Amino acid sequence: MESSVTRRGRSRSPKAAFRTWCRTDASINPGNSGGPLIDAHGAVIGINSAILAGEGGEGNVGIGFAVPINTVKQLLPQLRQGRVHRARLGVQVQTPPITEDEAKSLGLPKPEGAIISMVEHDSPAERAGFHAGDVIVEYNGKAVSDGEQAEAGVTRGDVILEVNRQAVHSASDASTLLRQVKSGQVAFLLLSRRGNQVFVEMRRE
């Protein structure tokens, strides 16, 4: 039976996030993780690692994921030492590119960068002084044009700490500040969610 790589650099599936993975319709089953994904010429192009399971978490619906072989090659020096070290920053960023009016509200010279929507408690980012609402404009000497991840929104149980950089001490403070936002304008909210600070945006209709 022939199979194929259906997508490279897969960012996410309906049920989980897969970054820079190969998505394939090859028959990958539980227990196959760690085995090679081989092309029609017999070359190893990836390491099978995950499947998209059916209802109840069982079986394979025909979608598998493999770590690209180039990623494996990059990790080989660490694998030979017996341990792989992964960097972790501990932030989440908003997905959509920054618009002109958002850039103006945030005091940015141009609509570029990635807005930090959440900083995990006791993470390297928090210890380094990152805060929800900060904008990453450059990383490792390279300009950052936009974010790469899903938008947070406001959920039940969130506590509003700030509206448009102004502190909120009561429900009436939040209501007053939100009423000041004109139709079509963006409001930035700093929230407390399960011990983490989350920065989200809302546009008034």
N, C-alpha and C. Protein backbone atom coordinates (compact mmCIF):
# COMPACT_ATOMS: atom_id res chain seq x y z
N MET A 1 0.84 -1.19 0.00
CA MET A 1 0.00 0.00 0.00
C MET A 1 0.88 1.24 0.00
N GLU A 2 0.60 2.18 -0.90
CA GLU A 2 1.37 3.40 -0.97
C GLU A 2 0.83 4.42 0.03
N SER A 3 1.72 5.25 0.53
CA SER A 3 1.32 6.33 1.41
C SER A 3 2.16 7.54 1.07
N SER A 4 1.84 8.68 1.64
CA SER A 4 2.54 9.90 1.27
C SER A 4 2.63 10.85 2.44
N VAL A 5 3.56 11.80 2.31
CA VAL A 5 3.61 12.91 3.25
C VAL A 5 2.62 13.94 2.76
N THR A 6 1.63 14.24 3.58
CA THR A 6 0.56 15.14 3.15
C THR A 6 0.82 16.59 3.48
N ARG A 7 1.75 16.82 4.42
CA ARG A 7 2.08 18.21 4.73
C ARG A 7 3.38 18.28 5.51
N ARG A 8 4.18 19.31 5.20
CA ARG A 8 5.41 19.55 5.96
C ARG A 8 5.22 20.80 6.81
N GLY A 9 5.94 20.86 7.94
CA GLY A 9 5.84 22.03 8.79
C GLY A 9 4.46 22.20 9.37
N ARG A 10 3.83 21.07 9.72
CA ARG A 10 2.47 21.11 10.25
C ARG A 10 2.43 21.88 11.56
N SER A 11 1.58 22.92 11.66
CA SER A 11 1.54 23.73 12.87
C SER A 11 0.61 23.15 13.92
N ARG A 12 -0.53 22.56 13.50
CA ARG A 12 -1.40 21.93 14.48
C ARG A 12 -2.41 21.03 13.79
N SER A 13 -2.97 20.11 14.56
CA SER A 13 -4.03 19.23 14.09
C SER A 13 -5.28 19.60 14.86
N PRO A 14 -6.45 19.01 14.55
CA PRO A 14 -7.65 19.35 15.29
C PRO A 14 -7.55 19.08 16.78
N LYS A 15 -6.67 18.19 17.22
CA LYS A 15 -6.65 17.82 18.63
C LYS A 15 -5.36 18.13 19.36
N ALA A 16 -4.31 18.48 18.67
CA ALA A 16 -3.04 18.74 19.36
C ALA A 16 -2.16 19.61 18.51
N ALA A 17 -1.16 20.22 19.17
CA ALA A 17 -0.24 21.10 18.45
C ALA A 17 1.00 20.32 18.03
N PHE A 18 1.33 20.42 16.74
CA PHE A 18 2.53 19.76 16.22
C PHE A 18 3.31 20.80 15.43
N ARG A 19 4.49 21.15 15.93
CA ARG A 19 5.28 22.18 15.28
C ARG A 19 6.35 21.57 14.41
N THR A 20 6.42 22.04 13.18
CA THR A 20 7.44 21.61 12.20
C THR A 20 7.53 20.09 12.10
N TRP A 21 6.39 19.41 12.13
CA TRP A 21 6.34 17.96 11.97
C TRP A 21 5.90 17.63 10.55
N CYS A 22 6.17 16.40 10.12
CA CYS A 22 5.64 15.89 8.86
C CYS A 22 4.32 15.17 9.15
N ARG A 23 3.28 15.55 8.42
CA ARG A 23 2.02 14.82 8.54
C ARG A 23 1.94 13.81 7.41
N THR A 24 1.58 12.58 7.72
CA THR A 24 1.58 11.52 6.73
C THR A 24 0.34 10.66 6.86
N ASP A 25 -0.04 10.03 5.76
CA ASP A 25 -1.16 9.08 5.83
C ASP A 25 -0.64 7.64 5.91
N ALA A 26 0.66 7.49 6.23
CA ALA A 26 1.22 6.15 6.43
C ALA A 26 0.53 5.48 7.62
N SER A 27 0.49 4.15 7.60
CA SER A 27 -0.18 3.40 8.66
C SER A 27 0.70 3.35 9.91
N ILE A 28 0.50 4.34 10.80
CA ILE A 28 1.23 4.39 12.07
C ILE A 28 0.26 3.96 13.17
N ASN A 29 0.68 3.01 13.97
CA ASN A 29 -0.19 2.47 15.02
C ASN A 29 0.49 2.56 16.38
N PRO A 30 -0.28 2.43 17.47
CA PRO A 30 0.32 2.43 18.79
C PRO A 30 1.46 1.42 18.87
N GLY A 31 2.60 1.88 19.38
CA GLY A 31 3.78 1.02 19.46
C GLY A 31 4.78 1.27 18.36
N ASN A 32 4.37 2.02 17.32
CA ASN A 32 5.28 2.34 16.21
C ASN A 32 6.16 3.55 16.48
N SER A 33 5.90 4.28 17.55
CA SER A 33 6.69 5.48 17.84
C SER A 33 8.17 5.11 17.96
N GLY A 34 8.99 5.93 17.33
CA GLY A 34 10.43 5.66 17.33
C GLY A 34 10.89 4.93 16.09
N GLY A 35 9.95 4.41 15.31
CA GLY A 35 10.30 3.73 14.07
C GLY A 35 10.50 4.73 12.94
N PRO A 36 11.19 4.32 11.87
CA PRO A 36 11.48 5.25 10.77
C PRO A 36 10.30 5.44 9.82
N LEU A 37 10.19 6.66 9.31
CA LEU A 37 9.28 6.96 8.21
C LEU A 37 10.15 6.96 6.95
N ILE A 38 9.87 6.03 6.03
CA ILE A 38 10.75 5.79 4.88
C ILE A 38 10.06 6.21 3.59
N ASP A 39 10.80 6.87 2.71
CA ASP A 39 10.22 7.29 1.43
C ASP A 39 10.34 6.16 0.41
N ALA A 40 9.88 6.43 -0.82
CA ALA A 40 9.84 5.39 -1.86
C ALA A 40 11.23 4.92 -2.28
N HIS A 41 12.27 5.67 -1.94
CA HIS A 41 13.64 5.30 -2.31
C HIS A 41 14.35 4.59 -1.16
N GLY A 42 13.65 4.36 -0.06
CA GLY A 42 14.25 3.67 1.07
C GLY A 42 15.01 4.56 2.02
N ALA A 43 14.91 5.88 1.83
CA ALA A 43 15.61 6.82 2.71
C ALA A 43 14.72 7.15 3.90
N VAL A 44 15.33 7.28 5.07
CA VAL A 44 14.60 7.66 6.27
C VAL A 44 14.39 9.17 6.25
N ILE A 45 13.13 9.58 6.25
CA ILE A 45 12.81 11.01 6.19
C ILE A 45 12.22 11.53 7.49
N GLY A 46 11.99 10.63 8.45
CA GLY A 46 11.44 11.08 9.73
C GLY A 46 11.36 9.94 10.72
N ILE A 47 11.02 10.28 11.97
CA ILE A 47 10.82 9.30 13.03
C ILE A 47 9.37 9.37 13.47
N ASN A 48 8.63 8.25 13.29
CA ASN A 48 7.22 8.22 13.66
C ASN A 48 7.05 8.50 15.15
N SER A 49 6.11 9.39 15.46
CA SER A 49 6.00 9.82 16.85
C SER A 49 4.58 9.94 17.38
N ALA A 50 3.59 10.18 16.52
CA ALA A 50 2.23 10.41 17.03
C ALA A 50 1.20 10.09 15.96
N ILE A 51 -0.03 9.82 16.41
CA ILE A 51 -1.15 9.61 15.50
C ILE A 51 -2.33 10.44 15.97
N LEU A 52 -3.24 10.70 15.04
CA LEU A 52 -4.51 11.32 15.40
C LEU A 52 -5.49 10.19 15.64
N ALA A 53 -5.88 10.00 16.88
CA ALA A 53 -6.72 8.86 17.25
C ALA A 53 -8.20 9.15 17.01
N GLY A 54 -8.99 8.09 16.97
CA GLY A 54 -10.43 8.21 16.78
C GLY A 54 -11.14 8.49 18.09
N GLU A 55 -12.44 8.28 18.10
CA GLU A 55 -13.23 8.52 19.30
C GLU A 55 -12.75 7.63 20.44
N GLY A 56 -12.68 8.22 21.64
CA GLY A 56 -12.24 7.45 22.79
C GLY A 56 -10.75 7.30 22.89
N GLY A 57 -10.01 7.93 21.96
CA GLY A 57 -8.56 7.87 22.01
C GLY A 57 -7.97 6.58 21.49
N GLU A 58 -8.77 5.79 20.77
CA GLU A 58 -8.26 4.51 20.27
C GLU A 58 -8.22 4.50 18.75
N GLY A 59 -7.30 3.70 18.21
CA GLY A 59 -7.23 3.52 16.76
C GLY A 59 -6.58 4.68 16.06
N ASN A 60 -6.42 4.53 14.76
CA ASN A 60 -5.78 5.54 13.93
C ASN A 60 -6.75 5.94 12.84
N VAL A 61 -7.01 7.25 12.70
CA VAL A 61 -7.95 7.71 11.68
C VAL A 61 -7.25 7.96 10.35
N GLY A 62 -5.98 7.55 10.24
CA GLY A 62 -5.26 7.69 8.97
C GLY A 62 -4.34 8.88 8.90
N ILE A 63 -4.12 9.56 10.03
CA ILE A 63 -3.22 10.70 10.05
C ILE A 63 -2.13 10.43 11.08
N GLY A 64 -0.88 10.49 10.66
CA GLY A 64 0.24 10.29 11.56
C GLY A 64 1.19 11.47 11.50
N PHE A 65 2.07 11.57 12.50
CA PHE A 65 3.03 12.66 12.55
C PHE A 65 4.42 12.10 12.83
N ALA A 66 5.40 12.62 12.13
CA ALA A 66 6.78 12.18 12.29
C ALA A 66 7.70 13.38 12.47
N VAL A 67 8.69 13.21 13.33
CA VAL A 67 9.71 14.25 13.50
C VAL A 67 10.59 14.25 12.25
N PRO A 68 10.74 15.38 11.55
CA PRO A 68 11.56 15.41 10.34
C PRO A 68 13.00 14.97 10.63
N ILE A 69 13.60 14.29 9.67
CA ILE A 69 14.93 13.74 9.88
C ILE A 69 15.97 14.84 10.11
N ASN A 70 15.76 16.03 9.51
CA ASN A 70 16.72 17.11 9.74
C ASN A 70 16.70 17.57 11.20
N THR A 71 15.52 17.52 11.83
CA THR A 71 15.44 17.85 13.25
C THR A 71 16.19 16.82 14.08
N VAL A 72 16.03 15.55 13.70
CA VAL A 72 16.74 14.47 14.40
C VAL A 72 18.25 14.66 14.28
N LYS A 73 18.71 15.01 13.08
CA LYS A 73 20.15 15.21 12.87
C LYS A 73 20.69 16.31 13.76
N GLN A 74 19.89 17.37 13.96
CA GLN A 74 20.33 18.46 14.82
C GLN A 74 20.47 18.02 16.27
N LEU A 75 19.67 17.02 16.66
CA LEU A 75 19.68 16.55 18.04
C LEU A 75 20.69 15.44 18.30
N LEU A 76 21.26 14.88 17.23
CA LEU A 76 22.17 13.74 17.38
C LEU A 76 23.32 13.98 18.37
N PRO A 77 24.00 15.13 18.31
CA PRO A 77 25.09 15.34 19.27
C PRO A 77 24.62 15.21 20.72
N GLN A 78 23.40 15.73 21.03
CA GLN A 78 22.87 15.61 22.39
C GLN A 78 22.43 14.18 22.68
N LEU A 79 21.85 13.51 21.67
CA LEU A 79 21.41 12.13 21.88
C LEU A 79 22.59 11.23 22.21
N ARG A 80 23.73 11.50 21.58
CA ARG A 80 24.92 10.69 21.86
C ARG A 80 25.42 10.89 23.29
N GLN A 81 25.07 12.03 23.88
CA GLN A 81 25.43 12.27 25.27
C GLN A 81 24.40 11.71 26.25
N GLY A 82 23.29 11.19 25.69
CA GLY A 82 22.29 10.54 26.52
C GLY A 82 21.16 11.41 27.01
N ARG A 83 21.15 12.69 26.63
CA ARG A 83 20.09 13.58 27.11
C ARG A 83 19.91 14.75 26.17
N VAL A 84 18.62 15.11 25.92
CA VAL A 84 18.31 16.25 25.05
C VAL A 84 17.83 17.41 25.91
N HIS A 85 18.43 18.58 25.72
CA HIS A 85 18.04 19.77 26.45
C HIS A 85 17.21 20.67 25.52
N ARG A 86 16.02 21.03 25.95
CA ARG A 86 15.15 21.90 25.18
C ARG A 86 15.00 23.24 25.89
N ALA A 87 15.07 24.32 25.12
CA ALA A 87 14.86 25.65 25.69
C ALA A 87 13.38 25.89 25.94
N ARG A 88 13.05 26.58 27.02
CA ARG A 88 11.67 26.91 27.36
C ARG A 88 11.62 28.34 27.86
N LEU A 89 10.80 29.15 27.19
CA LEU A 89 10.66 30.55 27.59
C LEU A 89 9.52 30.74 28.58
N GLY A 90 8.35 30.14 28.28
CA GLY A 90 7.22 30.24 29.19
C GLY A 90 6.28 31.39 28.89
N VAL A 91 6.07 31.66 27.60
CA VAL A 91 5.12 32.71 27.22
C VAL A 91 4.18 32.19 26.13
N GLN A 92 3.05 32.85 26.02
CA GLN A 92 2.15 32.63 24.89
C GLN A 92 1.98 33.96 24.18
N VAL A 93 1.86 33.90 22.84
CA VAL A 93 1.70 35.13 22.07
C VAL A 93 0.42 35.06 21.26
N GLN A 94 -0.10 36.25 20.92
CA GLN A 94 -1.33 36.31 20.14
C GLN A 94 -1.06 35.99 18.67
N THR A 95 -2.09 35.44 18.02
CA THR A 95 -1.95 34.96 16.65
C THR A 95 -1.94 36.05 15.58
N PRO A 96 -3.00 36.89 15.50
CA PRO A 96 -3.10 37.79 14.34
C PRO A 96 -1.98 38.81 14.30
N PRO A 97 -1.57 39.23 13.10
CA PRO A 97 -0.57 40.29 12.99
C PRO A 97 -1.09 41.57 13.65
N ILE A 98 -0.20 42.37 14.18
CA ILE A 98 -0.58 43.62 14.84
C ILE A 98 -1.08 44.61 13.78
N THR A 99 -2.24 45.21 14.03
CA THR A 99 -2.81 46.18 13.09
C THR A 99 -2.28 47.58 13.40
N GLU A 100 -2.60 48.51 12.51
CA GLU A 100 -2.14 49.89 12.67
C GLU A 100 -2.67 50.51 13.96
N ASP A 101 -3.97 50.32 14.25
CA ASP A 101 -4.53 50.94 15.44
C ASP A 101 -4.02 50.27 16.72
N GLU A 102 -3.74 48.96 16.66
CA GLU A 102 -3.15 48.28 17.81
C GLU A 102 -1.74 48.81 18.09
N ALA A 103 -0.97 48.98 17.02
CA ALA A 103 0.38 49.51 17.17
C ALA A 103 0.36 50.90 17.80
N LYS A 104 -0.61 51.71 17.37
CA LYS A 104 -0.73 53.05 17.94
C LYS A 104 -1.08 53.00 19.41
N SER A 105 -2.01 52.11 19.77
CA SER A 105 -2.42 51.97 21.17
C SER A 105 -1.28 51.49 22.05
N LEU A 106 -0.40 50.64 21.50
CA LEU A 106 0.71 50.07 22.26
C LEU A 106 1.97 50.92 22.21
N GLY A 107 1.91 52.03 21.44
CA GLY A 107 3.06 52.92 21.34
C GLY A 107 4.18 52.37 20.48
N LEU A 108 3.84 51.52 19.50
CA LEU A 108 4.85 50.95 18.62
C LEU A 108 5.07 51.84 17.41
N PRO A 109 6.31 51.93 16.92
CA PRO A 109 6.56 52.77 15.75
C PRO A 109 5.94 52.23 14.46
N LYS A 110 5.74 50.90 14.40
CA LYS A 110 5.11 50.30 13.24
C LYS A 110 4.41 49.00 13.67
N PRO A 111 3.44 48.53 12.88
CA PRO A 111 2.65 47.34 13.27
C PRO A 111 3.40 46.03 13.06
N GLU A 112 4.44 45.82 13.85
CA GLU A 112 5.21 44.59 13.78
C GLU A 112 5.53 44.10 15.19
N GLY A 113 5.68 42.79 15.32
CA GLY A 113 6.03 42.21 16.60
C GLY A 113 5.00 41.18 17.04
N ALA A 114 5.27 40.53 18.15
CA ALA A 114 4.38 39.52 18.71
C ALA A 114 3.99 39.95 20.13
N ILE A 115 2.69 40.12 20.35
CA ILE A 115 2.21 40.54 21.67
C ILE A 115 2.20 39.35 22.61
N ILE A 116 2.84 39.48 23.75
CA ILE A 116 2.82 38.43 24.76
C ILE A 116 1.46 38.45 25.45
N SER A 117 0.71 37.38 25.33
CA SER A 117 -0.62 37.31 25.94
C SER A 117 -0.59 36.68 27.32
N MET A 118 0.44 35.86 27.61
CA MET A 118 0.53 35.24 28.93
C MET A 118 1.97 34.90 29.26
N VAL A 119 2.33 35.13 30.52
CA VAL A 119 3.63 34.72 31.03
C VAL A 119 3.39 33.70 32.14
N GLU A 120 3.92 32.50 31.98
CA GLU A 120 3.70 31.45 32.97
C GLU A 120 4.42 31.78 34.28
N HIS A 121 3.73 31.45 35.37
CA HIS A 121 4.30 31.71 36.69
C HIS A 121 5.57 30.90 36.90
N ASP A 122 6.58 31.55 37.47
CA ASP A 122 7.86 30.92 37.79
C ASP A 122 8.55 30.33 36.56
N SER A 123 8.32 30.94 35.41
CA SER A 123 8.97 30.50 34.17
C SER A 123 10.22 31.32 33.94
N PRO A 124 11.11 30.87 33.03
CA PRO A 124 12.28 31.69 32.69
C PRO A 124 11.89 33.09 32.23
N ALA A 125 10.77 33.21 31.50
CA ALA A 125 10.32 34.52 31.03
C ALA A 125 9.96 35.44 32.19
N GLU A 126 9.25 34.90 33.18
CA GLU A 126 8.87 35.72 34.34
C GLU A 126 10.10 36.15 35.12
N ARG A 127 11.03 35.21 35.30
CA ARG A 127 12.25 35.54 36.05
C ARG A 127 13.10 36.56 35.29
N ALA A 128 12.98 36.58 33.97
CA ALA A 128 13.74 37.54 33.15
C ALA A 128 13.06 38.90 33.09
N GLY A 129 11.83 39.00 33.62
CA GLY A 129 11.16 40.30 33.65
C GLY A 129 10.13 40.52 32.56
N PHE A 130 9.74 39.47 31.83
CA PHE A 130 8.69 39.61 30.82
C PHE A 130 7.34 39.79 31.51
N HIS A 131 6.45 40.57 30.86
CA HIS A 131 5.11 40.79 31.39
C HIS A 131 4.09 40.63 30.26
N ALA A 132 2.88 40.18 30.63
CA ALA A 132 1.79 40.13 29.65
C ALA A 132 1.54 41.54 29.14
N GLY A 133 1.46 41.68 27.82
CA GLY A 133 1.30 42.99 27.20
C GLY A 133 2.58 43.51 26.58
N ASP A 134 3.73 42.91 26.94
CA ASP A 134 4.98 43.26 26.26
C ASP A 134 4.90 42.83 24.80
N VAL A 135 5.67 43.47 23.94
CA VAL A 135 5.70 43.14 22.52
C VAL A 135 7.12 42.73 22.13
N ILE A 136 7.25 41.52 21.60
CA ILE A 136 8.55 41.04 21.13
C ILE A 136 8.77 41.56 19.71
N VAL A 137 9.77 42.39 19.52
CA VAL A 137 10.02 42.97 18.19
C VAL A 137 11.27 42.39 17.54
N GLU A 138 12.11 41.71 18.34
CA GLU A 138 13.32 41.13 17.78
C GLU A 138 13.72 39.92 18.61
N TYR A 139 14.19 38.88 17.94
CA TYR A 139 14.65 37.68 18.62
C TYR A 139 15.95 37.21 17.99
N ASN A 140 16.97 37.09 18.81
CA ASN A 140 18.27 36.59 18.35
C ASN A 140 18.77 37.38 17.13
N GLY A 141 18.56 38.70 17.18
CA GLY A 141 19.04 39.57 16.10
C GLY A 141 18.14 39.65 14.88
N LYS A 142 17.00 38.93 14.90
CA LYS A 142 16.09 38.93 13.76
C LYS A 142 14.76 39.58 14.14
N ALA A 143 14.22 40.40 13.23
CA ALA A 143 12.95 41.07 13.49
C ALA A 143 11.81 40.06 13.57
N VAL A 144 10.87 40.31 14.47
CA VAL A 144 9.69 39.47 14.62
C VAL A 144 8.51 40.20 14.00
N SER A 145 7.90 39.58 12.98
CA SER A 145 6.80 40.25 12.28
C SER A 145 5.45 40.03 12.94
N ASP A 146 5.19 38.80 13.45
CA ASP A 146 3.92 38.52 14.11
C ASP A 146 4.06 37.27 14.97
N GLY A 147 2.96 36.90 15.65
CA GLY A 147 2.96 35.72 16.50
C GLY A 147 2.65 34.47 15.71
N GLU A 148 2.74 33.29 16.35
CA GLU A 148 2.49 32.02 15.69
C GLU A 148 1.42 31.20 16.38
N GLN A 149 0.79 31.65 17.49
CA GLN A 149 -0.17 30.87 18.21
C GLN A 149 -1.50 31.61 18.30
N ALA A 150 -2.89 30.20 18.96
CA ALA A 150 -4.31 30.48 19.06
C ALA A 150 -4.67 31.52 20.03
N GLU A 151 -5.70 32.65 19.85
CA GLU A 151 -6.08 33.89 20.57
C GLU A 151 -6.83 33.53 21.84
N ALA A 152 -6.50 34.22 23.00
CA ALA A 152 -7.00 33.76 24.29
C ALA A 152 -8.46 34.06 24.55
N GLY A 153 -8.91 35.33 24.40
CA GLY A 153 -10.27 35.67 24.75
C GLY A 153 -10.44 35.76 26.26
N VAL A 154 -11.67 36.15 26.68
CA VAL A 154 -12.00 36.25 28.10
C VAL A 154 -12.89 35.08 28.47
N THR A 155 -12.54 34.38 29.54
CA THR A 155 -13.32 33.22 29.96
C THR A 155 -13.80 33.40 31.39
N ARG A 156 -14.82 32.59 31.77
CA ARG A 156 -15.37 32.64 33.12
C ARG A 156 -14.27 32.37 34.15
N GLY A 157 -14.23 33.19 35.19
CA GLY A 157 -13.22 33.04 36.22
C GLY A 157 -12.04 33.97 36.07
N ASP A 158 -11.90 34.62 34.89
CA ASP A 158 -10.83 35.60 34.71
C ASP A 158 -11.08 36.81 35.60
N VAL A 159 -10.02 37.43 36.09
CA VAL A 159 -10.11 38.65 36.89
C VAL A 159 -9.43 39.77 36.10
N ILE A 160 -10.18 40.85 35.83
CA ILE A 160 -9.64 41.97 35.07
C ILE A 160 -8.76 42.82 35.97
N LEU A 161 -7.49 42.95 35.60
CA LEU A 161 -6.54 43.76 36.37
C LEU A 161 -6.34 45.14 35.77
N GLU A 162 -6.36 45.21 34.43
CA GLU A 162 -6.17 46.49 33.75
C GLU A 162 -7.02 46.54 32.48
N VAL A 163 -7.43 47.74 32.12
CA VAL A 163 -8.08 47.99 30.83
C VAL A 163 -7.31 49.12 30.18
N ASN A 164 -6.73 48.84 29.02
CA ASN A 164 -5.91 49.84 28.31
C ASN A 164 -4.86 50.46 29.22
N ARG A 165 -4.15 49.60 29.96
CA ARG A 165 -3.02 49.98 30.82
C ARG A 165 -3.45 50.74 32.08
N GLN A 166 -4.75 50.85 32.33
CA GLN A 166 -5.23 51.52 33.54
C GLN A 166 -5.71 50.49 34.54
N ALA A 167 -5.26 50.62 35.79
CA ALA A 167 -5.58 49.64 36.82
C ALA A 167 -7.07 49.59 37.11
N VAL A 168 -7.56 48.38 37.37
CA VAL A 168 -8.97 48.15 37.71
C VAL A 168 -9.04 47.65 39.15
N HIS A 169 -9.83 48.35 39.98
CA HIS A 169 -9.95 47.96 41.39
C HIS A 169 -11.33 47.42 41.73
N SER A 170 -12.27 47.55 40.80
CA SER A 170 -13.63 47.08 41.06
C SER A 170 -14.33 46.82 39.74
N ALA A 171 -15.50 46.18 39.82
CA ALA A 171 -16.28 45.92 38.61
C ALA A 171 -16.71 47.22 37.97
N SER A 172 -17.02 48.23 38.80
CA SER A 172 -17.44 49.50 38.23
C SER A 172 -16.30 50.20 37.50
N ASP A 173 -15.05 50.04 37.98
CA ASP A 173 -13.88 50.58 37.27
C ASP A 173 -13.78 49.97 35.87
N ALA A 174 -13.91 48.64 35.81
CA ALA A 174 -13.82 47.94 34.52
C ALA A 174 -14.92 48.41 33.58
N SER A 175 -16.14 48.53 34.12
CA SER A 175 -17.28 48.95 33.30
C SER A 175 -17.07 50.36 32.76
N THR A 176 -16.58 51.26 33.61
CA THR A 176 -16.35 52.65 33.19
C THR A 176 -15.30 52.73 32.10
N LEU A 177 -14.19 52.02 32.28
CA LEU A 177 -13.10 52.06 31.30
C LEU A 177 -13.52 51.44 29.97
N LEU A 178 -14.29 50.35 30.03
CA LEU A 178 -14.74 49.70 28.79
C LEU A 178 -15.75 50.56 28.04
N ARG A 179 -16.56 51.33 28.78
CA ARG A 179 -17.52 52.23 28.11
C ARG A 179 -16.81 53.36 27.38
N GLN A 180 -15.59 53.66 27.79
CA GLN A 180 -14.84 54.74 27.14
C GLN A 180 -14.27 54.32 25.79
N VAL A 181 -14.29 53.02 25.52
CA VAL A 181 -13.79 52.52 24.24
C VAL A 181 -14.84 52.78 23.17
N LYS A 182 -14.47 53.47 22.12
CA LYS A 182 -15.41 53.81 21.06
C LYS A 182 -15.63 52.63 20.11
N SER A 183 -16.73 52.68 19.39
CA SER A 183 -17.07 51.63 18.44
C SER A 183 -15.96 51.47 17.40
N GLY A 184 -15.52 50.22 17.22
CA GLY A 184 -14.46 49.92 16.26
C GLY A 184 -13.06 49.98 16.83
N GLN A 185 -12.93 50.53 18.05
CA GLN A 185 -11.62 50.63 18.66
C GLN A 185 -11.28 49.36 19.44
N VAL A 186 -9.98 49.19 19.69
CA VAL A 186 -9.49 48.01 20.41
C VAL A 186 -9.28 48.35 21.89
N ALA A 187 -9.68 47.42 22.75
CA ALA A 187 -9.40 47.54 24.18
C ALA A 187 -8.46 46.40 24.57
N PHE A 188 -7.40 46.74 25.30
CA PHE A 188 -6.46 45.73 25.78
C PHE A 188 -6.74 45.45 27.25
N LEU A 189 -6.91 44.18 27.57
CA LEU A 189 -7.22 43.77 28.94
C LEU A 189 -6.10 42.92 29.51
N LEU A 190 -5.67 43.24 30.72
CA LEU A 190 -4.73 42.40 31.46
C LEU A 190 -5.55 41.61 32.47
N LEU A 191 -5.51 40.28 32.37
CA LEU A 191 -6.33 39.41 33.20
C LEU A 191 -5.46 38.55 34.11
N SER A 192 -6.06 38.10 35.20
CA SER A 192 -5.45 37.08 36.04
C SER A 192 -6.23 35.80 35.79
N ARG A 193 -5.53 34.75 35.33
CA ARG A 193 -6.19 33.48 35.00
C ARG A 193 -5.39 32.32 35.58
N ARG A 194 -5.97 31.68 36.58
CA ARG A 194 -5.36 30.50 37.22
C ARG A 194 -3.90 30.76 37.62
N GLY A 195 -3.66 31.93 38.20
CA GLY A 195 -2.33 32.24 38.70
C GLY A 195 -1.39 32.87 37.70
N ASN A 196 -1.82 32.97 36.43
CA ASN A 196 -0.99 33.59 35.39
C ASN A 196 -1.63 34.88 34.91
N GLN A 197 -0.81 35.80 34.44
CA GLN A 197 -1.34 37.03 33.84
C GLN A 197 -1.50 36.83 32.34
N VAL A 198 -2.66 37.21 31.83
CA VAL A 198 -2.99 37.02 30.42
C VAL A 198 -3.36 38.36 29.81
N PHE A 199 -2.83 38.66 28.64
CA PHE A 199 -3.09 39.92 27.95
C PHE A 199 -3.91 39.63 26.71
N VAL A 200 -5.12 40.18 26.62
CA VAL A 200 -6.00 39.91 25.48
C VAL A 200 -6.51 41.22 24.92
N GLU A 201 -7.04 41.15 23.71
CA GLU A 201 -7.61 42.32 23.08
C GLU A 201 -9.06 42.08 22.70
N MET A 202 -9.84 43.14 22.75
CA MET A 202 -11.24 43.08 22.36
C MET A 202 -11.54 44.31 21.50
N ARG A 203 -12.34 44.12 20.47
CA ARG A 203 -12.73 45.24 19.62
C ARG A 203 -14.21 45.51 19.82
N ARG A 204 -14.53 46.76 20.16
CA ARG A 204 -15.93 47.10 20.40
C ARG A 204 -16.68 47.23 19.08
N GLU A 205 -17.84 46.63 19.02
CA GLU A 205 -18.64 46.67 17.79
C GLU A 205 -19.30 48.04 17.64
